[in-house]
Amino acid sequence: MDERRLRIGVVGAGHFGRFHALKVAAGARAQLVGVHDPDPARAAVVAAECGCPVLGRDELIAASEAVIVAAPAEAHFDVALQAIEAGRHLLVEKPITATLAQADALALAAAARGLVVQVGHLERFSAAHGAVSARVGKPLYIEAIRIAPFKLRGTDVSVILDLMIHDLDLVLALVDSPIESVDAVGVPLASAFEDIANARLRFANGCVATITASRVSTKLERRMRIFGQSGYLTVDFANRKLVMLERAQDDSPLGFAQHEVTWQEHDAITAEHAAFIASVLDGAPVLVDAAAGRRALAAALAVGEAMAASRARMLESGILRLPVG
């Protein structure tokens, strides 16, 4: 294992950028060279917290070996491509880019230079994902619910790219098959974009997944139910509890056995950083690479297109009216 400390710069000093900077500053295998944000005052606050300088974007990239991009989604491509063209490894927050063409260009540029690209789908680094993926097998049906009270953070995009993309990525990681069709519906309530949405995905192998996401709910809930040939698994992520029902191997009067699993959640951002640094310094496989980020983005865009088609049908039928004014 390479004992060097990886020099990392953070672009973006918002909610997640601050967390990234704090974790890098505290990391045993990393050195935080600086932070950058278009808002100098915000950058100064985070830099003071982390004990690092505020740097211009060009200066930060030049001083780094690797760059974490935690800027708004529309800025991901420009910042990430600049870092890659400078020969820097990249950890970019989700979604990887705004468009599939940008994702492809980013992946090609990184591959041509032999650089690591990891996408910040944080759920993949959680203890919960480990508990689920170890017990799933081949799913036949998945139901995911992710709802939360309203917060202004994240409302620069729809709930699909804000929240649903987490579960889209998890479902894609569990189902080894291309998406065949998508049906979706959603509405804006508190922002200019959809704040609540439901999508139904059918995969080429026959598996079906239903995903609900809301950022205008009265409570916080994160659940997943998975049906497979050998049993049924229900997960309560918030309470760190998994219950599995499977075919009994004995003469159980119920015909099935029930198992309950709990887990101690770890710091997923720290785990994400450790994986990224291991990929850069030690050559470890990239758990969530550019291809995985592209798949999640493609699924999210497909949900958005299906939602637009549903809205058009609703307007035509008269059950939905455009707001006045």
C-alpha atoms as a PDB file:
ATOM      1  CA  MET A   1       0.000   0.000   0.000  1.00  0.00           C
ATOM      2  CA  ASP A   2       1.288   3.443  -0.972  1.00  0.00           C
ATOM      3  CA  GLU A   3       1.926   5.420   2.230  1.00  0.00           C
ATOM      4  CA  ARG A   4       1.834   8.832   0.518  1.00  0.00           C
ATOM      5  CA  ARG A   5      -0.872  11.350   1.325  1.00  0.00           C
ATOM      6  CA  LEU A   6      -2.909  12.256  -1.742  1.00  0.00           C
ATOM      7  CA  ARG A   7      -3.112  16.008  -2.375  1.00  0.00           C
ATOM      8  CA  ILE A   8      -6.813  16.785  -2.872  1.00  0.00           C
ATOM      9  CA  GLY A   9      -8.574  20.031  -3.730  1.00  0.00           C
ATOM     10  CA  VAL A  10     -12.325  20.591  -3.278  1.00  0.00           C
ATOM     11  CA  VAL A  11     -14.340  22.645  -5.770  1.00  0.00           C
ATOM     12  CA  GLY A  12     -17.621  23.745  -4.210  1.00  0.00           C
ATOM     13  CA  ALA A  13     -18.099  24.882  -0.620  1.00  0.00           C
ATOM     14  CA  GLY A  14     -21.815  24.271  -0.284  1.00  0.00           C
ATOM     15  CA  HIS A  15     -23.544  21.649   1.874  1.00  0.00           C
ATOM     16  CA  PHE A  16     -21.718  18.595   0.507  1.00  0.00           C
ATOM     17  CA  GLY A  17     -18.555  20.485  -0.415  1.00  0.00           C
ATOM     18  CA  ARG A  18     -18.092  21.430   3.220  1.00  0.00           C
ATOM     19  CA  PHE A  19     -18.462  17.798   4.329  1.00  0.00           C
ATOM     20  CA  HIS A  20     -15.985  16.671   1.690  1.00  0.00           C
ATOM     21  CA  ALA A  21     -13.443  19.292   2.742  1.00  0.00           C
ATOM     22  CA  LEU A  22     -13.769  18.422   6.435  1.00  0.00           C
ATOM     23  CA  LYS A  23     -13.318  14.690   5.739  1.00  0.00           C
ATOM     24  CA  VAL A  24     -10.285  15.262   3.502  1.00  0.00           C
ATOM     25  CA  ALA A  25      -8.706  17.534   6.123  1.00  0.00           C
ATOM     26  CA  ALA A  26      -9.160  14.817   8.767  1.00  0.00           C
ATOM     27  CA  GLY A  27      -8.093  11.921   6.534  1.00  0.00           C
ATOM     28  CA  ALA A  28      -4.964   9.903   7.282  1.00  0.00           C
ATOM     29  CA  ARG A  29      -4.126   9.354   3.611  1.00  0.00           C
ATOM     30  CA  ALA A  30      -5.097  12.763   2.236  1.00  0.00           C
ATOM     31  CA  GLN A  31      -3.919  16.354   2.349  1.00  0.00           C
ATOM     32  CA  LEU A  32      -6.430  19.143   1.698  1.00  0.00           C
ATOM     33  CA  VAL A  33      -4.623  21.678  -0.497  1.00  0.00           C
ATOM     34  CA  GLY A  34      -7.510  24.146  -0.596  1.00  0.00           C
ATOM     35  CA  VAL A  35     -11.129  24.876  -1.427  1.00  0.00           C
ATOM     36  CA  HIS A  36     -12.690  26.926  -4.198  1.00  0.00           C
ATOM     37  CA  ASP A  37     -16.184  28.376  -4.573  1.00  0.00           C
ATOM     38  CA  PRO A  38     -17.602  31.164  -6.753  1.00  0.00           C
ATOM     39  CA  ASP A  39     -18.795  32.723  -3.481  1.00  0.00           C
ATOM     40  CA  PRO A  40     -15.537  33.878  -1.801  1.00  0.00           C
ATOM     41  CA  ALA A  41     -17.265  34.425   1.552  1.00  0.00           C
ATOM     42  CA  ARG A  42     -18.615  30.885   1.620  1.00  0.00           C
ATOM     43  CA  ALA A  43     -15.239  29.483   0.579  1.00  0.00           C
ATOM     44  CA  ALA A  44     -13.546  31.467   3.365  1.00  0.00           C
ATOM     45  CA  VAL A  45     -15.880  30.027   6.019  1.00  0.00           C
ATOM     46  CA  VAL A  46     -15.197  26.429   4.958  1.00  0.00           C
ATOM     47  CA  ALA A  47     -11.466  27.039   4.516  1.00  0.00           C
ATOM     48  CA  ALA A  48     -11.229  28.473   8.034  1.00  0.00           C
ATOM     49  CA  GLU A  49     -13.049  25.426   9.413  1.00  0.00           C
ATOM     50  CA  CYS A  50     -10.674  23.072   7.609  1.00  0.00           C
ATOM     51  CA  GLY A  51      -7.450  25.019   8.126  1.00  0.00           C
ATOM     52  CA  CYS A  52      -6.665  25.358   4.416  1.00  0.00           C
ATOM     53  CA  PRO A  53      -6.398  28.237   1.931  1.00  0.00           C
ATOM     54  CA  VAL A  54      -9.028  29.540  -0.465  1.00  0.00           C
ATOM     55  CA  LEU A  55      -7.679  29.119  -3.992  1.00  0.00           C
ATOM     56  CA  GLY A  56      -8.805  30.118  -7.463  1.00  0.00           C
ATOM     57  CA  ARG A  57     -10.030  27.219  -9.551  1.00  0.00           C
ATOM     58  CA  ASP A  58      -6.977  27.102 -11.812  1.00  0.00           C
ATOM     59  CA  GLU A  59      -4.651  27.434  -8.845  1.00  0.00           C
ATOM     60  CA  LEU A  60      -6.419  24.693  -6.886  1.00  0.00           C
ATOM     61  CA  ILE A  61      -6.333  22.214  -9.775  1.00  0.00           C
ATOM     62  CA  ALA A  62      -2.643  22.958 -10.375  1.00  0.00           C
ATOM     63  CA  ALA A  63      -1.815  22.291  -6.704  1.00  0.00           C
ATOM     64  CA  SER A  64      -3.777  19.022  -6.507  1.00  0.00           C
ATOM     65  CA  GLU A  65      -3.254  15.423  -7.541  1.00  0.00           C
ATOM     66  CA  ALA A  66      -6.981  14.760  -7.294  1.00  0.00           C
ATOM     67  CA  VAL A  67     -10.044  17.004  -7.310  1.00  0.00           C
ATOM     68  CA  ILE A  68     -13.430  16.575  -5.630  1.00  0.00           C
ATOM     69  CA  VAL A  69     -16.176  18.349  -7.578  1.00  0.00           C
ATOM     70  CA  ALA A  70     -19.079  19.298  -5.306  1.00  0.00           C
ATOM     71  CA  ALA A  71     -20.351  22.195  -7.418  1.00  0.00           C
ATOM     72  CA  PRO A  72     -23.956  22.457  -8.707  1.00  0.00           C
ATOM     73  CA  ALA A  73     -24.816  19.744 -11.244  1.00  0.00           C
ATOM     74  CA  GLU A  74     -24.751  22.065 -14.257  1.00  0.00           C
ATOM     75  CA  ALA A  75     -21.122  22.953 -13.488  1.00  0.00           C
ATOM     76  CA  HIS A  76     -19.852  19.386 -13.069  1.00  0.00           C
ATOM     77  CA  PHE A  77     -18.723  18.875 -16.641  1.00  0.00           C
ATOM     78  CA  ASP A  78     -16.698  22.083 -17.044  1.00  0.00           C
ATOM     79  CA  VAL A  79     -14.894  21.697 -13.714  1.00  0.00           C
ATOM     80  CA  ALA A  80     -14.369  17.935 -14.074  1.00  0.00           C
ATOM     81  CA  LEU A  81     -13.059  18.182 -17.637  1.00  0.00           C
ATOM     82  CA  GLN A  82     -10.625  20.932 -16.633  1.00  0.00           C
ATOM     83  CA  ALA A  83      -9.324  18.712 -13.828  1.00  0.00           C
ATOM     84  CA  ILE A  84      -8.975  15.689 -16.108  1.00  0.00           C
ATOM     85  CA  GLU A  85      -7.238  17.656 -18.846  1.00  0.00           C
ATOM     86  CA  ALA A  86      -4.774  18.802 -16.181  1.00  0.00           C
ATOM     87  CA  GLY A  87      -4.089  15.142 -15.347  1.00  0.00           C
ATOM     88  CA  ARG A  88      -5.993  15.089 -12.057  1.00  0.00           C
ATOM     89  CA  HIS A  89      -7.958  12.160 -10.680  1.00  0.00           C
ATOM     90  CA  LEU A  90     -11.614  12.933 -10.060  1.00  0.00           C
ATOM     91  CA  LEU A  91     -14.317  12.353  -7.480  1.00  0.00           C
ATOM     92  CA  VAL A  92     -17.442  14.045  -8.809  1.00  0.00           C
ATOM     93  CA  GLU A  93     -20.714  14.328  -6.929  1.00  0.00           C
ATOM     94  CA  LYS A  94     -23.852  12.827  -8.440  1.00  0.00           C
ATOM     95  CA  PRO A  95     -25.154  13.232 -11.072  1.00  0.00           C
ATOM     96  CA  ILE A  96     -21.906  12.743 -12.966  1.00  0.00           C
ATOM     97  CA  THR A  97     -22.860  15.461 -15.495  1.00  0.00           C
ATOM     98  CA  ALA A  98     -25.995  17.132 -16.848  1.00  0.00           C
ATOM     99  CA  THR A  99     -26.129  15.143 -20.105  1.00  0.00           C
ATOM    100  CA  LEU A 100     -25.112  11.718 -21.382  1.00  0.00           C
ATOM    101  CA  ALA A 101     -22.894  13.292 -24.050  1.00  0.00           C
ATOM    102  CA  GLN A 102     -20.975  15.101 -21.308  1.00  0.00           C
ATOM    103  CA  ALA A 103     -20.658  11.879 -19.284  1.00  0.00           C
ATOM    104  CA  ASP A 104     -19.263  10.072 -22.334  1.00  0.00           C
ATOM    105  CA  ALA A 105     -16.774  12.868 -23.064  1.00  0.00           C
ATOM    106  CA  LEU A 106     -15.602  12.862 -19.438  1.00  0.00           C
ATOM    107  CA  ALA A 107     -15.124   9.087 -19.384  1.00  0.00           C
ATOM    108  CA  LEU A 108     -13.197   9.108 -22.660  1.00  0.00           C
ATOM    109  CA  ALA A 109     -10.920  11.942 -21.536  1.00  0.00           C
ATOM    110  CA  ALA A 110     -10.138  10.176 -18.245  1.00  0.00           C
ATOM    111  CA  ALA A 111      -9.543   6.792 -19.897  1.00  0.00           C
ATOM    112  CA  ALA A 112      -7.145   8.359 -22.426  1.00  0.00           C
ATOM    113  CA  ARG A 113      -5.057   9.681 -19.534  1.00  0.00           C
ATOM    114  CA  GLY A 114      -5.370   6.646 -17.267  1.00  0.00           C
ATOM    115  CA  LEU A 115      -7.130   8.644 -14.537  1.00  0.00           C
ATOM    116  CA  VAL A 116      -9.535   7.470 -11.840  1.00  0.00           C
ATOM    117  CA  VAL A 117     -13.088   8.792 -12.021  1.00  0.00           C
ATOM    118  CA  GLN A 118     -15.371   7.976  -9.099  1.00  0.00           C
ATOM    119  CA  VAL A 119     -18.961   9.238  -8.887  1.00  0.00           C
ATOM    120  CA  GLY A 120     -20.398  10.272  -5.529  1.00  0.00           C
ATOM    121  CA  HIS A 121     -23.322   7.878  -5.215  1.00  0.00           C
ATOM    122  CA  LEU A 122     -22.873   7.850  -1.460  1.00  0.00           C
ATOM    123  CA  GLU A 123     -25.382   5.085  -0.708  1.00  0.00           C
ATOM    124  CA  ARG A 124     -23.067   2.512  -2.297  1.00  0.00           C
ATOM    125  CA  PHE A 125     -20.591   3.104   0.523  1.00  0.00           C
ATOM    126  CA  SER A 126     -23.113   2.718   3.338  1.00  0.00           C
ATOM    127  CA  ALA A 127     -23.324  -0.251   5.688  1.00  0.00           C
ATOM    128  CA  ALA A 128     -26.986  -0.551   4.676  1.00  0.00           C
ATOM    129  CA  HIS A 129     -26.112  -1.225   1.036  1.00  0.00           C
ATOM    130  CA  GLY A 130     -23.632  -3.857   2.135  1.00  0.00           C
ATOM    131  CA  ALA A 131     -26.279  -5.587   4.263  1.00  0.00           C
ATOM    132  CA  VAL A 132     -28.785  -5.609   1.398  1.00  0.00           C
ATOM    133  CA  SER A 133     -26.508  -6.584  -1.487  1.00  0.00           C
ATOM    134  CA  ALA A 134     -25.107  -9.530   0.479  1.00  0.00           C
ATOM    135  CA  ARG A 135     -28.584 -11.058   0.822  1.00  0.00           C
ATOM    136  CA  VAL A 136     -30.548 -10.126  -2.295  1.00  0.00           C
ATOM    137  CA  GLY A 137     -29.771 -12.709  -4.973  1.00  0.00           C
ATOM    138  CA  LYS A 138     -31.642 -11.983  -8.214  1.00  0.00           C
ATOM    139  CA  PRO A 139     -34.585  -9.625  -7.593  1.00  0.00           C
ATOM    140  CA  LEU A 140     -37.944 -10.096  -9.305  1.00  0.00           C
ATOM    141  CA  TYR A 141     -39.549  -6.923  -7.926  1.00  0.00           C
ATOM    142  CA  ILE A 142     -38.158  -3.936  -6.014  1.00  0.00           C
ATOM    143  CA  GLU A 143     -40.078  -1.162  -4.301  1.00  0.00           C
ATOM    144  CA  ALA A 144     -38.162   1.838  -2.976  1.00  0.00           C
ATOM    145  CA  ILE A 145     -39.489   4.815  -1.018  1.00  0.00           C
ATOM    146  CA  ARG A 146     -37.418   7.888  -0.158  1.00  0.00           C
ATOM    147  CA  ILE A 147     -39.399  10.800   1.273  1.00  0.00           C
ATOM    148  CA  ALA A 148     -38.377  13.794   3.374  1.00  0.00           C
ATOM    149  CA  PRO A 149     -39.664  17.190   4.558  1.00  0.00           C
ATOM    150  CA  PHE A 150     -38.982  20.196   2.358  1.00  0.00           C
ATOM    151  CA  LYS A 151     -35.592  21.944   2.401  1.00  0.00           C
ATOM    152  CA  LEU A 152     -34.368  24.620   0.003  1.00  0.00           C
ATOM    153  CA  ARG A 153     -31.128  22.705  -0.628  1.00  0.00           C
ATOM    154  CA  GLY A 154     -31.289  20.700  -3.847  1.00  0.00           C
ATOM    155  CA  THR A 155     -34.239  22.541  -5.374  1.00  0.00           C
ATOM    156  CA  ASP A 156     -32.131  23.738  -8.313  1.00  0.00           C
ATOM    157  CA  VAL A 157     -32.973  20.342  -9.874  1.00  0.00           C
ATOM    158  CA  SER A 158     -35.999  18.033  -9.811  1.00  0.00           C
ATOM    159  CA  VAL A 159     -36.512  15.457  -7.075  1.00  0.00           C
ATOM    160  CA  ILE A 160     -35.346  12.872  -9.637  1.00  0.00           C
ATOM    161  CA  LEU A 161     -31.776  14.215  -9.657  1.00  0.00           C
ATOM    162  CA  ASP A 162     -31.934  15.335  -6.030  1.00  0.00           C
ATOM    163  CA  LEU A 163     -33.234  12.176  -4.282  1.00  0.00           C
ATOM    164  CA  MET A 164     -34.541   9.509  -6.645  1.00  0.00           C
ATOM    165  CA  ILE A 165     -31.185   9.065  -8.365  1.00  0.00           C
ATOM    166  CA  HIS A 166     -29.863   7.446  -5.157  1.00  0.00           C
ATOM    167  CA  ASP A 167     -32.394   4.633  -5.418  1.00  0.00           C
ATOM    168  CA  LEU A 168     -32.037   4.435  -9.179  1.00  0.00           C
ATOM    169  CA  ASP A 169     -28.340   3.746  -8.674  1.00  0.00           C
ATOM    170  CA  LEU A 170     -29.022   1.157  -5.945  1.00  0.00           C
ATOM    171  CA  VAL A 171     -31.603  -0.625  -8.099  1.00  0.00           C
ATOM    172  CA  LEU A 172     -29.259  -0.658 -11.091  1.00  0.00           C
ATOM    173  CA  ALA A 173     -26.536  -2.130  -8.884  1.00  0.00           C
ATOM    174  CA  LEU A 174     -28.898  -4.918  -7.763  1.00  0.00           C
ATOM    175  CA  VAL A 175     -30.488  -5.720 -11.145  1.00  0.00           C
ATOM    176  CA  ASP A 176     -27.995  -6.894 -13.751  1.00  0.00           C
ATOM    177  CA  SER A 177     -30.118  -6.081 -16.797  1.00  0.00           C
ATOM    178  CA  PRO A 178     -30.829  -3.110 -19.115  1.00  0.00           C
ATOM    179  CA  ILE A 179     -33.928  -0.956 -18.575  1.00  0.00           C
ATOM    180  CA  GLU A 180     -36.596  -1.845 -21.136  1.00  0.00           C
ATOM    181  CA  SER A 181     -39.316   0.705 -20.332  1.00  0.00           C
ATOM    182  CA  VAL A 182     -40.122   3.527 -17.896  1.00  0.00           C
ATOM    183  CA  ASP A 183     -43.418   5.027 -16.787  1.00  0.00           C
ATOM    184  CA  ALA A 184     -43.411   7.981 -14.407  1.00  0.00           C
ATOM    185  CA  VAL A 185     -45.457  10.816 -12.968  1.00  0.00           C
ATOM    186  CA  GLY A 186     -44.491  13.819 -10.867  1.00  0.00           C
ATOM    187  CA  VAL A 187     -45.535  17.326  -9.872  1.00  0.00           C
ATOM    188  CA  PRO A 188     -43.889  20.519  -8.567  1.00  0.00           C
ATOM    189  CA  LEU A 189     -45.354  21.777  -5.296  1.00  0.00           C
ATOM    190  CA  ALA A 190     -42.760  23.948  -3.559  1.00  0.00           C
ATOM    191  CA  SER A 191     -40.204  24.665  -6.294  1.00  0.00           C
ATOM    192  CA  ALA A 192     -39.964  25.195 -10.048  1.00  0.00           C
ATOM    193  CA  PHE A 193     -39.198  21.486 -10.548  1.00  0.00           C
ATOM    194  CA  GLU A 194     -40.907  18.215  -9.629  1.00  0.00           C
ATOM    195  CA  ASP A 195     -40.881  17.792  -5.853  1.00  0.00           C
ATOM    196  CA  ILE A 196     -42.645  14.430  -5.712  1.00  0.00           C
ATOM    197  CA  ALA A 197     -42.353  11.638  -8.268  1.00  0.00           C
ATOM    198  CA  ASN A 198     -43.062   7.972  -8.859  1.00  0.00           C
ATOM    199  CA  ALA A 199     -41.395   5.820 -11.499  1.00  0.00           C
ATOM    200  CA  ARG A 200     -41.937   2.242 -12.640  1.00  0.00           C
ATOM    201  CA  LEU A 201     -39.010   0.586 -14.414  1.00  0.00           C
ATOM    202  CA  ARG A 202     -39.211  -2.683 -16.299  1.00  0.00           C
ATOM    203  CA  PHE A 203     -35.939  -4.452 -17.036  1.00  0.00           C
ATOM    204  CA  ALA A 204     -35.123  -6.699 -19.985  1.00  0.00           C
ATOM    205  CA  ASN A 205     -34.892  -9.749 -17.688  1.00  0.00           C
ATOM    206  CA  GLY A 206     -38.470  -9.167 -16.430  1.00  0.00           C
ATOM    207  CA  CYS A 207     -37.653  -7.542 -13.101  1.00  0.00           C
ATOM    208  CA  VAL A 208     -39.816  -4.537 -12.186  1.00  0.00           C
ATOM    209  CA  ALA A 209     -38.877  -1.686  -9.840  1.00  0.00           C
ATOM    210  CA  THR A 210     -41.174   1.004  -8.452  1.00  0.00           C
ATOM    211  CA  ILE A 211     -39.477   4.055  -6.941  1.00  0.00           C
ATOM    212  CA  THR A 212     -41.141   6.929  -5.067  1.00  0.00           C
ATOM    213  CA  ALA A 213     -39.264  10.084  -4.097  1.00  0.00           C
ATOM    214  CA  SER A 214     -40.583  13.176  -2.339  1.00  0.00           C
ATOM    215  CA  ARG A 215     -39.037  16.248  -0.744  1.00  0.00           C
ATOM    216  CA  VAL A 216     -42.396  17.697   0.371  1.00  0.00           C
ATOM    217  CA  SER A 217     -43.502  15.031   2.845  1.00  0.00           C
ATOM    218  CA  THR A 218     -44.419  15.414   6.495  1.00  0.00           C
ATOM    219  CA  LYS A 219     -41.951  12.751   7.652  1.00  0.00           C
ATOM    220  CA  LEU A 220     -38.619  11.159   6.823  1.00  0.00           C
ATOM    221  CA  GLU A 221     -38.817   7.623   5.457  1.00  0.00           C
ATOM    222  CA  ARG A 222     -36.398   5.414   3.565  1.00  0.00           C
ATOM    223  CA  ARG A 223     -37.524   1.878   2.838  1.00  0.00           C
ATOM    224  CA  MET A 224     -36.959  -0.817   0.261  1.00  0.00           C
ATOM    225  CA  ARG A 225     -38.775  -4.078  -0.387  1.00  0.00           C
ATOM    226  CA  ILE A 226     -37.295  -6.758  -2.595  1.00  0.00           C
ATOM    227  CA  PHE A 227     -39.020  -9.922  -3.824  1.00  0.00           C
ATOM    228  CA  GLY A 228     -36.933 -12.782  -5.180  1.00  0.00           C
ATOM    229  CA  GLN A 229     -37.439 -16.430  -6.039  1.00  0.00           C
ATOM    230  CA  SER A 230     -36.095 -17.565  -2.683  1.00  0.00           C
ATOM    231  CA  GLY A 231     -37.720 -14.979  -0.442  1.00  0.00           C
ATOM    232  CA  TYR A 232     -38.734 -11.468   0.512  1.00  0.00           C
ATOM    233  CA  LEU A 233     -36.568  -8.774   2.048  1.00  0.00           C
ATOM    234  CA  THR A 234     -37.717  -5.513   3.632  1.00  0.00           C
ATOM    235  CA  VAL A 235     -35.288  -2.793   4.675  1.00  0.00           C
ATOM    236  CA  ASP A 236     -35.831   0.191   6.956  1.00  0.00           C
ATOM    237  CA  PHE A 237     -32.755   2.319   6.274  1.00  0.00           C
ATOM    238  CA  ALA A 238     -33.636   4.993   8.827  1.00  0.00           C
ATOM    239  CA  ASN A 239     -33.860   2.495  11.683  1.00  0.00           C
ATOM    240  CA  ARG A 240     -31.055   0.244  10.348  1.00  0.00           C
ATOM    241  CA  LYS A 241     -33.176  -2.883  10.260  1.00  0.00           C
ATOM    242  CA  LEU A 242     -33.530  -5.613   7.635  1.00  0.00           C
ATOM    243  CA  VAL A 243     -36.064  -8.462   7.814  1.00  0.00           C
ATOM    244  CA  MET A 244     -35.777 -11.425   5.480  1.00  0.00           C
ATOM    245  CA  LEU A 245     -38.381 -14.118   4.856  1.00  0.00           C
ATOM    246  CA  GLU A 246     -37.158 -17.170   2.962  1.00  0.00           C
ATOM    247  CA  ARG A 247     -38.159 -20.743   2.238  1.00  0.00           C
ATOM    248  CA  ALA A 248     -37.785 -22.871   5.346  1.00  0.00           C
ATOM    249  CA  GLN A 249     -35.151 -25.586   5.210  1.00  0.00           C
ATOM    250  CA  ASP A 250     -36.965 -27.672   7.842  1.00  0.00           C
ATOM    251  CA  ASP A 251     -40.555 -28.612   8.691  1.00  0.00           C
ATOM    252  CA  SER A 252     -41.521 -25.150   9.864  1.00  0.00           C
ATOM    253  CA  PRO A 253     -45.337 -24.902  10.209  1.00  0.00           C
ATOM    254  CA  LEU A 254     -45.183 -21.484   8.533  1.00  0.00           C
ATOM    255  CA  GLY A 255     -43.354 -22.814   5.487  1.00  0.00           C
ATOM    256  CA  PHE A 256     -40.821 -20.007   5.728  1.00  0.00           C
ATOM    257  CA  ALA A 257     -38.114 -18.761   8.058  1.00  0.00           C
ATOM    258  CA  GLN A 258     -37.710 -15.187   9.290  1.00  0.00           C
ATOM    259  CA  HIS A 259     -34.349 -13.537   9.927  1.00  0.00           C
ATOM    260  CA  GLU A 260     -33.719 -10.067  11.310  1.00  0.00           C
ATOM    261  CA  VAL A 261     -30.489  -8.178  10.685  1.00  0.00           C
ATOM    262  CA  THR A 262     -29.354  -4.860  12.115  1.00  0.00           C
ATOM    263  CA  TRP A 263     -26.174  -2.956  11.380  1.00  0.00           C
ATOM    264  CA  GLN A 264     -24.054  -0.185  12.828  1.00  0.00           C
ATOM    265  CA  GLU A 265     -23.890   2.571  10.249  1.00  0.00           C
ATOM    266  CA  HIS A 266     -20.465   3.963   9.485  1.00  0.00           C
ATOM    267  CA  ASP A 267     -19.432   7.305   8.005  1.00  0.00           C
ATOM    268  CA  ALA A 268     -20.226   6.802   4.330  1.00  0.00           C
ATOM    269  CA  ILE A 269     -18.281   9.869   3.153  1.00  0.00           C
ATOM    270  CA  THR A 270     -15.162   8.625   4.946  1.00  0.00           C
ATOM    271  CA  ALA A 271     -15.674   5.204   3.306  1.00  0.00           C
ATOM    272  CA  GLU A 272     -16.182   6.873  -0.070  1.00  0.00           C
ATOM    273  CA  HIS A 273     -12.951   8.858   0.304  1.00  0.00           C
ATOM    274  CA  ALA A 274     -11.024   5.784   1.439  1.00  0.00           C
ATOM    275  CA  ALA A 275     -12.198   3.886  -1.647  1.00  0.00           C
ATOM    276  CA  PHE A 276     -11.254   6.782  -3.934  1.00  0.00           C
ATOM    277  CA  ILE A 277      -7.782   7.158  -2.422  1.00  0.00           C
ATOM    278  CA  ALA A 278      -7.230   3.386  -2.605  1.00  0.00           C
ATOM    279  CA  SER A 279      -8.101   3.460  -6.299  1.00  0.00           C
ATOM    280  CA  VAL A 280      -5.669   6.321  -6.961  1.00  0.00           C
ATOM    281  CA  LEU A 281      -2.745   5.277  -4.775  1.00  0.00           C
ATOM    282  CA  ASP A 282      -3.105   1.479  -4.640  1.00  0.00           C
ATOM    283  CA  GLY A 283      -4.799   0.672  -7.946  1.00  0.00           C
ATOM    284  CA  ALA A 284      -7.924  -0.741  -6.263  1.00  0.00           C
ATOM    285  CA  PRO A 285     -11.007  -1.206  -8.487  1.00  0.00           C
ATOM    286  CA  VAL A 286     -13.320   1.820  -8.654  1.00  0.00           C
ATOM    287  CA  LEU A 287     -16.584   0.851  -6.971  1.00  0.00           C
ATOM    288  CA  VAL A 288     -18.743   3.553  -8.613  1.00  0.00           C
ATOM    289  CA  ASP A 289     -16.967   4.449 -11.846  1.00  0.00           C
ATOM    290  CA  ALA A 290     -17.939   6.734 -14.727  1.00  0.00           C
ATOM    291  CA  ALA A 291     -19.942   3.929 -16.373  1.00  0.00           C
ATOM    292  CA  ALA A 292     -22.016   3.465 -13.209  1.00  0.00           C
ATOM    293  CA  GLY A 293     -22.549   7.215 -12.973  1.00  0.00           C
ATOM    294  CA  ARG A 294     -23.670   7.285 -16.598  1.00  0.00           C
ATOM    295  CA  ARG A 295     -26.153   4.436 -16.044  1.00  0.00           C
ATOM    296  CA  ALA A 296     -27.730   6.276 -13.118  1.00  0.00           C
ATOM    297  CA  LEU A 297     -27.912   9.503 -15.107  1.00  0.00           C
ATOM    298  CA  ALA A 298     -29.451   7.706 -18.104  1.00  0.00           C
ATOM    299  CA  ALA A 299     -32.101   6.183 -15.834  1.00  0.00           C
ATOM    300  CA  ALA A 300     -32.849   9.566 -14.244  1.00  0.00           C
ATOM    301  CA  LEU A 301     -33.181  11.231 -17.651  1.00  0.00           C
ATOM    302  CA  ALA A 302     -35.446   8.406 -18.837  1.00  0.00           C
ATOM    303  CA  VAL A 303     -37.668   8.985 -15.788  1.00  0.00           C
ATOM    304  CA  GLY A 304     -37.776  12.697 -16.627  1.00  0.00           C
ATOM    305  CA  GLU A 305     -38.793  11.961 -20.220  1.00  0.00           C
ATOM    306  CA  ALA A 306     -41.497   9.534 -19.096  1.00  0.00           C
ATOM    307  CA  MET A 307     -42.754  12.131 -16.634  1.00  0.00           C
ATOM    308  CA  ALA A 308     -42.994  14.747 -19.379  1.00  0.00           C
ATOM    309  CA  ALA A 309     -44.953  12.304 -21.547  1.00  0.00           C
ATOM    310  CA  SER A 310     -47.360  11.585 -18.667  1.00  0.00           C
ATOM    311  CA  ARG A 311     -47.826  15.302 -18.059  1.00  0.00           C
ATOM    312  CA  ALA A 312     -48.659  15.856 -21.742  1.00  0.00           C
ATOM    313  CA  ARG A 313     -51.314  13.123 -21.607  1.00  0.00           C
ATOM    314  CA  MET A 314     -52.797  14.613 -18.437  1.00  0.00           C
ATOM    315  CA  LEU A 315     -52.976  18.080 -19.975  1.00  0.00           C
ATOM    316  CA  GLU A 316     -54.625  16.664 -23.077  1.00  0.00           C
ATOM    317  CA  SER A 317     -57.197  14.758 -21.043  1.00  0.00           C
ATOM    318  CA  GLY A 318     -57.945  17.731 -18.802  1.00  0.00           C
ATOM    319  CA  ILE A 319     -57.097  16.119 -15.447  1.00  0.00           C
ATOM    320  CA  LEU A 320     -54.153  18.507 -15.176  1.00  0.00           C
ATOM    321  CA  ARG A 321     -54.204  22.230 -15.900  1.00  0.00           C
ATOM    322  CA  LEU A 322     -51.279  24.583 -16.328  1.00  0.00           C
ATOM    323  CA  PRO A 323     -50.932  27.124 -13.489  1.00  0.00           C
ATOM    324  CA  VAL A 324     -52.267  30.590 -14.256  1.00  0.00           C
ATOM    325  CA  GLY A 325     -49.884  33.550 -14.268  1.00  0.00           C
END
